[in-house]
Protein backbone atom coordinates (compact mmCIF):
# COMPACT_ATOMS: atom_id res chain seq x y z
CA UNK A 1 -14.28 7.11 31.89
CA UNK A 2 -11.93 8.04 29.04
CA UNK A 3 -8.77 5.99 28.59
CA UNK A 4 -5.75 8.01 29.76
CA UNK A 5 -3.21 9.46 27.35
CA UNK A 6 0.35 8.49 28.27
CA UNK A 7 3.14 10.79 27.03
CA UNK A 8 6.76 10.17 28.01
CA UNK A 9 8.44 13.29 29.48
CA UNK A 10 11.10 13.29 26.75
CA UNK A 11 8.55 13.39 23.90
CA UNK A 12 7.96 16.68 22.08
CA UNK A 13 4.27 17.08 21.27
CA UNK A 14 3.02 20.32 19.75
CA UNK A 15 0.10 21.71 21.79
CA UNK A 16 -2.00 21.98 18.59
CA UNK A 17 -1.73 18.27 17.80
CA UNK A 18 -4.89 16.24 18.41
CA UNK A 19 -4.24 13.16 20.52
CA UNK A 20 -7.00 10.56 20.91
CA UNK A 21 -8.01 8.72 24.06
CA UNK A 22 -5.72 5.92 25.17
CA UNK A 23 -2.74 6.94 23.05
CA UNK A 24 0.76 6.05 24.24
CA UNK A 25 3.63 8.27 23.10
CA UNK A 26 7.03 6.86 23.94
CA UNK A 27 10.44 8.40 24.60
CA UNK A 28 11.87 11.02 22.24
CA UNK A 29 8.91 11.06 19.83
CA UNK A 30 8.25 14.31 17.95
CA UNK A 31 4.70 15.23 16.91
CA UNK A 32 3.88 18.28 14.78
CA UNK A 33 0.95 20.71 15.11
CA UNK A 34 -1.24 19.30 12.33
CA UNK A 35 -1.03 15.66 13.40
CA UNK A 36 -4.23 13.85 14.42
CA UNK A 37 -4.00 10.55 16.31
CA UNK A 38 -7.06 8.32 16.66
CA UNK A 39 -7.93 6.36 19.75
CA UNK A 40 -5.32 3.96 21.14
CA UNK A 41 -2.45 4.83 18.79
CA UNK A 42 0.91 3.64 20.14
CA UNK A 43 4.23 5.28 19.26
CA UNK A 44 7.08 3.15 20.62
CA UNK A 45 9.98 5.64 20.70
CA UNK A 46 11.89 8.09 18.47
CA UNK A 47 8.94 8.35 16.06
CA UNK A 48 8.58 11.53 13.98
CA UNK A 49 5.09 12.56 12.87
CA UNK A 50 4.98 15.67 10.72
CA UNK A 51 2.72 17.58 8.35
CA UNK A 52 -1.03 17.22 7.98
CA UNK A 53 -1.10 13.58 9.02
CA UNK A 54 -4.05 11.56 10.31
CA UNK A 55 -3.47 8.15 11.91
CA UNK A 56 -6.37 5.80 12.58
CA UNK A 57 -7.39 4.02 15.77
CA UNK A 58 -5.19 1.28 17.14
CA UNK A 59 -2.23 1.82 14.81
CA UNK A 60 1.22 1.02 16.24
CA UNK A 61 4.35 2.79 15.00
CA UNK A 62 7.80 1.56 15.95
CA UNK A 63 11.11 3.28 16.58
CA UNK A 64 12.67 5.70 14.09
CA UNK A 65 9.74 5.72 11.67
CA UNK A 66 9.28 9.03 9.85
CA UNK A 67 5.67 9.61 8.91
CA UNK A 68 4.31 12.68 7.10
CA UNK A 69 7.55 14.46 6.26
CA UNK A 70 7.60 16.35 2.95
CA UNK A 71 7.54 14.29 -0.28
CA UNK A 72 10.79 13.13 -1.85
CA UNK A 73 9.89 14.83 -5.12
CA UNK A 74 11.68 17.69 -6.88
CA UNK A 75 8.32 19.09 -8.01
CA UNK A 76 7.17 19.66 -4.44
CA UNK A 77 7.15 23.38 -3.62
CA UNK A 78 5.88 23.37 -0.08
CA UNK A 79 2.18 23.22 -0.95
CA UNK A 80 -0.22 22.00 1.75
CA UNK A 81 -0.88 18.28 1.27
CA UNK A 82 -2.03 15.40 3.44
CA UNK A 83 -1.30 11.84 4.58
CA UNK A 84 -4.17 9.68 5.87
CA UNK A 85 -3.41 6.31 7.47
CA UNK A 86 -6.21 3.96 8.51
CA UNK A 87 -6.82 1.86 11.60
CA UNK A 88 -4.88 -1.01 13.17
CA UNK A 89 -1.80 -0.72 11.00
CA UNK A 90 1.56 -1.94 12.25
CA UNK A 91 4.33 0.32 10.99
CA UNK A 92 7.74 -1.04 11.93
CA UNK A 93 11.17 0.50 12.44
CA UNK A 94 12.53 3.06 9.94
CA UNK A 95 9.41 3.06 7.76
CA UNK A 96 8.82 6.27 5.78
CA UNK A 97 5.48 7.51 4.44
CA UNK A 98 5.05 10.85 2.67
CA UNK A 99 2.03 13.06 2.00
CA UNK A 100 0.79 13.91 -1.48
CA UNK A 101 1.78 16.60 -3.94
CA UNK A 102 -0.33 19.18 -5.71
CA UNK A 103 0.20 17.45 -9.06
CA UNK A 104 -0.91 14.08 -7.68
CA UNK A 105 -4.12 15.17 -5.99
CA UNK A 106 -2.61 16.34 -2.71
CA UNK A 107 -3.15 13.22 -0.62
CA UNK A 108 -1.54 9.87 0.18
CA UNK A 109 -3.91 7.24 1.59
CA UNK A 110 -3.15 4.03 3.45
CA UNK A 111 -6.01 1.67 4.39
CA UNK A 112 -6.66 -0.46 7.45
CA UNK A 113 -4.90 -3.50 8.96
CA UNK A 114 -1.68 -3.14 6.99
CA UNK A 115 1.76 -4.43 7.95
CA UNK A 116 4.72 -2.31 6.87
CA UNK A 117 7.98 -4.00 7.81
CA UNK A 118 11.26 -2.32 8.69
CA UNK A 119 12.62 0.16 6.17
CA UNK A 120 9.70 0.04 3.74
CA UNK A 121 8.56 3.20 1.97
CA UNK A 122 5.24 4.62 0.75
CA UNK A 123 5.84 7.63 -1.48
CA UNK A 124 3.72 10.67 -2.30
CA UNK A 125 0.24 10.32 -3.81
CA UNK A 126 0.06 6.54 -3.34
CA UNK A 127 -3.23 4.80 -2.60
CA UNK A 128 -2.74 1.65 -0.53
CA UNK A 129 -5.68 -0.61 0.31
CA UNK A 130 -6.57 -2.74 3.32
CA UNK A 131 -4.56 -5.71 4.65
CA UNK A 132 -1.54 -4.86 2.52
CA UNK A 133 1.85 -6.26 3.57
CA UNK A 134 5.02 -4.49 2.46
CA UNK A 135 8.09 -6.46 3.51
CA UNK A 136 11.47 -5.10 4.64
CA UNK A 137 12.97 -2.34 2.49
CA UNK A 138 10.42 -2.64 -0.30
CA UNK A 139 9.39 0.71 -1.79
CA UNK A 140 6.43 2.22 -3.60
CA UNK A 141 7.31 5.14 -5.85
CA UNK A 142 4.91 8.06 -6.26
CA UNK A 143 1.34 7.73 -7.53
CA UNK A 144 1.14 3.93 -7.15
CA UNK A 145 -2.17 2.19 -6.50
CA UNK A 146 -2.01 -0.96 -4.39
CA UNK A 147 -5.35 -2.68 -3.90
CA UNK A 148 -6.49 -4.81 -0.93
CA UNK A 149 -4.68 -7.97 0.24
CA UNK A 150 -1.48 -7.38 -1.74
CA UNK A 151 1.90 -8.67 -0.50
CA UNK A 152 5.10 -6.99 -1.71
CA UNK A 153 8.27 -8.95 -0.94
CA UNK A 154 11.46 -7.67 0.62
CA UNK A 155 13.66 -5.25 -1.36
CA UNK A 156 11.09 -5.05 -4.16
CA UNK A 157 10.59 -1.76 -5.99
CA UNK A 158 7.40 -0.52 -7.63
CA UNK A 159 7.66 2.06 -10.42
CA UNK A 160 5.72 5.33 -10.42
CA UNK A 161 2.05 5.15 -11.49
CA UNK A 162 1.94 1.34 -11.38
CA UNK A 163 -1.30 -0.35 -10.29
CA UNK A 164 -1.20 -3.63 -8.38
CA UNK A 165 -4.53 -5.46 -8.35
CA UNK A 166 -6.21 -7.05 -5.36
CA UNK A 167 -4.65 -10.17 -3.92
CA UNK A 168 -1.47 -10.01 -6.02
CA UNK A 169 1.92 -11.09 -4.70
CA UNK A 170 5.25 -9.50 -5.64
CA UNK A 171 8.32 -11.63 -4.97
CA UNK A 172 11.42 -10.41 -3.16
CA UNK A 173 14.00 -8.39 -5.12
CA UNK A 174 11.53 -7.77 -7.95
CA UNK A 175 11.39 -4.52 -9.92
CA UNK A 176 7.78 -3.89 -10.95
CA UNK A 177 7.62 -1.61 -14.00
CA UNK A 178 4.07 -2.21 -15.24
CA UNK A 179 0.59 -2.99 -13.91
CA UNK A 180 -0.07 -6.31 -12.14
CA UNK A 181 -3.45 -7.99 -12.58
CA UNK A 182 -5.51 -8.96 -9.50
CA UNK A 183 -4.35 -12.26 -7.95
CA UNK A 184 -1.19 -12.22 -10.10
CA UNK A 185 2.19 -13.57 -8.97
CA UNK A 186 5.16 -11.48 -10.13
CA UNK A 187 8.82 -12.30 -9.57
CA UNK A 188 12.23 -11.83 -11.13
CA UNK A 189 14.85 -9.03 -11.20
CA UNK A 190 12.71 -7.37 -13.86
CA UNK A 191 9.35 -8.67 -12.84
CA UNK A 192 7.26 -10.80 -15.16
CA UNK A 193 3.86 -12.31 -14.53
CA UNK A 194 4.59 -15.82 -13.31
CA UNK A 195 1.06 -17.10 -12.83
CA UNK A 196 -1.56 -16.50 -10.15
CA UNK A 197 -1.07 -16.02 -6.43
CA UNK A 198 -2.55 -19.45 -5.68
CA UNK A 199 -1.21 -19.55 -2.13
CA UNK A 200 -2.96 -16.28 -1.29
CA UNK A 201 -6.21 -17.37 -2.93
CA UNK A 202 -6.27 -20.61 -0.94
CA UNK A 203 -5.45 -18.82 2.32
CA UNK A 204 -8.45 -16.54 1.80
CA UNK A 205 -10.74 -19.53 1.30
CA UNK A 206 -11.47 -18.96 -2.39
CA UNK A 207 -13.37 -21.95 -3.75
CA UNK A 208 -11.82 -24.54 -6.04
CA UNK A 209 -14.27 -23.57 -8.81
CA UNK A 210 -13.28 -19.89 -8.63
CA UNK A 211 -9.58 -20.75 -8.69
CA UNK A 212 -10.15 -23.02 -11.70
CA UNK A 213 -11.99 -20.19 -13.49
CA UNK A 214 -9.13 -17.78 -12.77
CA UNK A 215 -6.54 -20.26 -14.07
CA UNK A 216 -8.53 -20.83 -17.25
CA UNK A 217 -8.82 -17.07 -17.75
CA UNK A 218 -5.08 -16.62 -17.18
CA UNK A 219 -4.24 -19.26 -19.77
CA UNK A 220 -6.49 -17.58 -22.33
CA UNK A 221 -5.06 -14.13 -21.61
CA UNK A 222 -1.64 -15.42 -22.68
CA UNK A 223 -2.87 -16.14 -26.22
CA UNK A 224 -2.50 -12.56 -27.46
CA UNK A 225 -2.66 -8.92 -26.42
CA UNK A 226 -3.84 -8.61 -22.82
CA UNK A 227 -6.33 -5.87 -23.60
CA UNK A 228 -7.64 -7.42 -26.81
CA UNK A 229 -8.10 -10.80 -25.15
CA UNK A 230 -9.66 -9.19 -22.07
CA UNK A 231 -12.22 -7.38 -24.26
CA UNK A 232 -13.11 -10.68 -25.87
CA UNK A 233 -13.43 -12.47 -22.53
CA UNK A 234 -15.48 -9.61 -21.09
CA UNK A 235 -18.22 -10.42 -23.59
CA UNK A 236 -18.61 -13.87 -22.06
CA UNK A 237 -20.40 -14.76 -18.85
CA UNK A 238 -17.83 -14.87 -16.04
CA UNK A 239 -17.70 -15.17 -12.28
CA UNK A 240 -17.03 -12.16 -10.01
CA UNK A 241 -13.30 -12.75 -9.54
CA UNK A 242 -12.63 -13.24 -13.24
CA UNK A 243 -14.73 -10.12 -13.91
CA UNK A 244 -12.59 -8.20 -11.40
CA UNK A 245 -9.42 -9.10 -13.31
CA UNK A 246 -10.94 -8.18 -16.67
CA UNK A 247 -12.26 -4.86 -15.35
CA UNK A 248 -8.79 -4.11 -13.99
CA UNK A 249 -7.14 -4.79 -17.35
CA UNK A 250 -9.68 -2.68 -19.23
CA UNK A 251 -9.57 0.18 -16.71
CA UNK A 252 -7.58 3.41 -17.08
CA UNK A 253 -3.83 3.16 -16.61
CA UNK A 254 -0.66 5.09 -17.37
CA UNK A 255 1.35 1.87 -17.68
CA UNK A 256 1.36 -1.31 -19.72
CA UNK A 257 0.95 -4.75 -18.12
CA UNK A 258 3.42 -7.28 -16.85
CA UNK A 259 2.95 -10.38 -18.98
CA UNK A 260 4.10 -14.02 -18.74
CA UNK A 261 7.34 -15.11 -20.39
CA UNK A 262 6.55 -16.57 -23.79
């Protein structure tokens, strides 16, 4: 037997919207005609879902979140674009997430098992990985790439087109204006690379040997140009996590890199 769909009488759900089994739609929610909800999605109350928006199984969205409304971008001209959100995300009060723009590929993607705390924002054309935490009132500008297991502290801001590598941590109140290497720790009013996210590495059970290799790599990267040093290190035999950082540095980017204070 299919799980029942529960819709509060005060909710406004367009008949064309696709609502999965076991969904719960609370009071005063508004759901547009192109919205697709997976199985067991819960909307607490006063949630607005608009545009071509897909939300994965088991995601919970709290009061006054606005998901899928048009991008906050002057270049947007009403073109048809999309927002895809994965499974088991928790999207708290007043969160905003926007679909893509034609110039950015037309799609914003959010992975699985994320936690988006009250007032946080994911802008147009962003790509957000799995198990990402964005703390209260932090914001991603357009076209950002945030890889898996990243934490972005409260009231932080991430500049357009910035990449944040896997497992990095951004401190509260930090303005991130350039790319952040995987497992990096960035903090300060104008963010600088302040080491590695050692707390996050230990929490994920990374071995002592791997952490030691990452720390040695980080120390050597500080001896000159990031890219030049990374090219040199890439010629040596390295472990998988060090290789991930080096590949990130040598990959395509529209930004420079945050570097340690000298």
